Protein backbone atom coordinates (compact mmCIF):
# COMPACT_ATOMS: atom_id res chain seq x y z
CA MET A 1 0.00 0.00 0.00
CA ALA A 2 1.21 3.48 -0.80
CA GLY A 3 1.92 5.74 2.14
CA THR A 4 2.24 2.93 4.69
CA LYS A 5 5.15 3.35 7.10
CA LYS A 6 7.20 0.42 8.23
CA HIS A 7 8.21 0.38 11.89
CA THR A 8 11.32 -1.37 13.08
CA ILE A 9 12.01 -2.69 16.53
CA ARG A 10 15.03 -1.20 18.25
CA LYS A 11 17.62 -3.90 18.82
CA LYS A 12 20.27 -1.92 20.67
CA PRO A 13 20.70 -2.23 24.46
CA LEU A 14 18.96 0.25 26.73
CA THR A 15 21.00 3.39 27.11
CA SER A 16 19.16 4.79 30.10
CA VAL A 17 18.03 3.67 33.51
CA ALA A 18 14.45 4.62 32.68
CA ASP A 19 13.74 4.44 28.98
CA GLU A 20 10.66 6.66 29.00
CA PRO A 21 10.19 9.81 26.91
CA ALA A 22 9.32 12.04 29.88
CA VAL A 23 12.01 10.61 32.14
CA ALA A 24 15.22 10.01 30.24
CA TYR A 25 17.97 9.48 32.80
CA GLU A 26 21.54 9.41 31.73
CA PRO A 27 23.06 5.96 32.17
CA LEU A 28 25.23 5.48 35.22
CA GLN A 29 28.74 4.79 34.04
CA LYS A 30 29.80 3.30 37.36
CA ILE A 31 27.82 2.33 40.38
CA PRO A 32 29.50 3.92 43.38
CA GLY A 33 30.67 1.29 45.80
CA ALA A 34 29.74 -1.61 43.53
CA THR A 35 31.48 -4.86 44.22
CA LYS A 36 32.69 -7.45 41.73
CA ALA A 37 29.68 -9.56 42.70
CA SER A 38 27.37 -6.80 41.50
CA ALA A 39 27.37 -5.02 38.18
CA SER A 40 29.75 -2.10 37.81
CA GLN A 41 27.99 -0.88 34.66
CA VAL A 42 24.27 -0.13 34.65
CA TYR A 43 22.27 -0.91 31.56
CA SER A 44 18.84 -1.46 33.05
CA THR A 45 16.68 -1.15 36.10
CA ALA A 46 17.40 -4.84 36.74
CA ASP A 47 21.06 -3.91 37.31
CA LEU A 48 20.00 -1.35 39.93
CA ILE A 49 17.76 -3.90 41.65
CA ARG A 50 20.52 -6.51 41.70
CA THR A 51 23.05 -4.03 43.07
CA SER A 52 20.74 -2.65 45.74
CA ARG A 53 19.97 -6.18 46.93
CA HIS A 54 23.64 -7.07 47.09
CA GLY A 55 24.64 -3.75 48.65
CA VAL A 56 26.99 -0.90 47.85
CA ARG A 57 30.10 -0.11 49.82
CA LYS A 58 30.04 2.52 52.55
CA ALA A 59 32.85 4.31 50.67
CA SER A 60 30.30 5.27 48.00
CA LEU A 61 28.66 7.68 50.46
CA LEU A 62 31.59 10.06 50.34
CA GLN A 63 31.43 10.21 46.54
CA LEU A 64 27.66 10.79 46.63
CA SER A 65 27.94 13.49 49.30
CA LYS A 66 30.43 15.32 47.06
CA GLN A 67 28.05 15.01 44.10
CA LEU A 68 25.22 16.49 46.15
CA GLY A 69 27.49 19.08 47.78
CA ILE A 70 26.52 18.01 51.31
CA THR A 71 28.24 16.90 54.50
CA MET A 72 28.30 13.31 55.71
CA GLU A 73 26.04 14.43 58.56
CA LYS A 74 23.40 15.53 56.04
CA MET A 75 23.98 12.30 54.08
CA SER A 76 23.26 10.28 57.22
CA SER A 77 19.95 12.13 57.68
CA LEU A 78 18.99 11.35 54.05
CA LEU A 79 19.62 7.67 54.82
CA HIS A 80 17.74 7.85 58.14
CA THR A 81 20.70 6.74 60.22
CA SER A 82 23.10 8.42 62.59
CA LEU A 83 26.44 9.80 61.48
CA ARG A 84 28.09 7.72 64.19
CA ASN A 85 26.49 4.56 62.79
CA LEU A 86 28.03 5.30 59.39
CA GLN A 87 31.41 6.18 60.91
CA ARG A 88 31.58 2.80 62.68
CA LYS A 89 31.39 0.93 59.37
CA GLU A 90 34.55 0.05 57.46
CA ASP A 91 34.83 1.69 54.02
CA ASN A 92 34.56 -1.73 52.34
CA ALA A 93 31.50 -2.76 54.38
CA LEU A 94 28.33 -3.22 52.38
CA LEU A 95 25.29 -1.15 53.23
CA ASP A 96 22.02 -2.95 53.82
CA PRO A 97 19.61 -3.22 50.85
CA LEU A 98 17.41 -0.28 51.90
CA LYS A 99 20.33 2.11 52.32
CA SER A 100 21.94 0.78 49.12
CA GLU A 101 18.74 1.40 47.20
CA ARG A 102 18.57 4.94 48.58
CA VAL A 103 22.20 5.60 47.60
CA LEU A 104 21.50 4.38 44.07
CA GLU A 105 18.33 6.47 43.77
CA LEU A 106 20.18 9.57 44.91
CA THR A 107 23.09 8.81 42.56
CA VAL A 108 20.74 8.51 39.56
CA PHE A 109 19.03 11.71 40.67
CA ALA A 110 22.35 13.59 41.02
CA GLN A 111 23.47 12.48 37.58
CA ARG A 112 20.20 13.54 36.01
CA GLY A 113 20.20 16.85 37.87
CA SER A 114 23.71 17.64 36.65
CA ALA A 115 22.70 16.83 33.08
CA VAL A 116 19.50 18.91 33.20
CA LEU A 117 21.14 21.94 34.81
CA GLY A 118 24.32 21.73 32.76
CA SER A 119 26.94 21.11 35.44
CA LEU A 120 27.48 19.58 38.84
CA GLU A 121 28.13 23.02 40.34
CA LEU A 122 24.84 24.45 39.05
CA PHE A 123 22.99 21.36 40.29
CA GLN A 124 24.49 21.74 43.78
CA GLN A 125 23.47 25.40 43.86
CA TRP A 126 19.95 24.50 42.71
CA LEU A 127 19.63 21.94 45.52
CA GLN A 128 20.33 24.65 48.10
CA ARG A 129 17.97 27.27 46.69
CA PRO A 130 14.42 27.65 48.10
CA LEU A 131 12.01 27.21 45.19
CA PRO A 132 8.44 28.55 44.89
CA ALA A 133 7.39 25.31 43.13
CA LEU A 134 8.36 23.46 46.33
CA ASP A 135 6.60 25.84 48.73
CA ASN A 136 9.86 27.75 49.12
CA GLN A 137 11.69 24.68 50.39
CA GLN A 138 15.13 23.68 49.19
CA PRO A 139 15.09 20.58 46.96
CA LEU A 140 17.73 19.07 49.26
CA GLU A 141 15.31 19.17 52.21
CA LEU A 142 12.88 16.88 50.36
CA LEU A 143 15.36 14.14 49.46
CA ASP A 144 14.91 12.26 52.74
CA THR A 145 11.66 10.61 51.56
CA SER A 146 10.74 8.79 48.39
CA PHE A 147 7.78 11.15 47.89
CA GLY A 148 10.05 14.19 48.22
CA LEU A 149 12.56 12.71 45.80
CA GLN A 150 9.72 12.02 43.36
CA GLN A 151 8.50 15.62 43.64
CA VAL A 152 11.98 17.02 43.01
CA ARG A 153 12.51 14.64 40.05
CA GLN A 154 9.21 15.86 38.57
CA LEU A 155 10.38 19.44 38.96
CA LEU A 156 13.63 18.59 37.15
CA GLY A 157 11.55 17.00 34.39
CA ARG A 158 9.53 20.19 34.01
CA LEU A 159 12.72 22.25 33.85
CA GLU A 160 14.11 19.88 31.26
CA GLN A 161 10.96 20.33 29.13
CA GLY A 162 11.14 24.12 29.46
CA VAL A 163 8.05 24.41 31.69
CA TYR A 164 8.26 27.42 34.00
CA SER A 165 8.60 26.15 37.55
């Protein structure tokens, strides 16, 4: 038939953590604190699930705190644990699955935020700035809950699409 389009199925591997038009995360090149038993490259959500179940190393928290531009004390509050609890762990010790999952979620978020805002420095500044779209709260203050993280991710998505926020 004339005018009929042929559609082909994409056969290349996923290049993003979430392969959705509205939420296109950059792929994680390295999972912070990943062990040899878990994947060090992320190609899918399944890799994130596997890694969070296995655990990430405590040493990854320092890298993530630098990405977010926060202290380890603030990092401990985002993970709902005490700073002293984190300090007692060896750098090579694996975090439990819930904390590992949180670290991975925040890492994906930090990478996406840096990409949307153009640089890590601009992203860190944005995290510290009270925003009217968040009832004049700083995005950083909402990252301690999954609902807050979701709200801040949605705001990043709106910024990425050019929607005034």
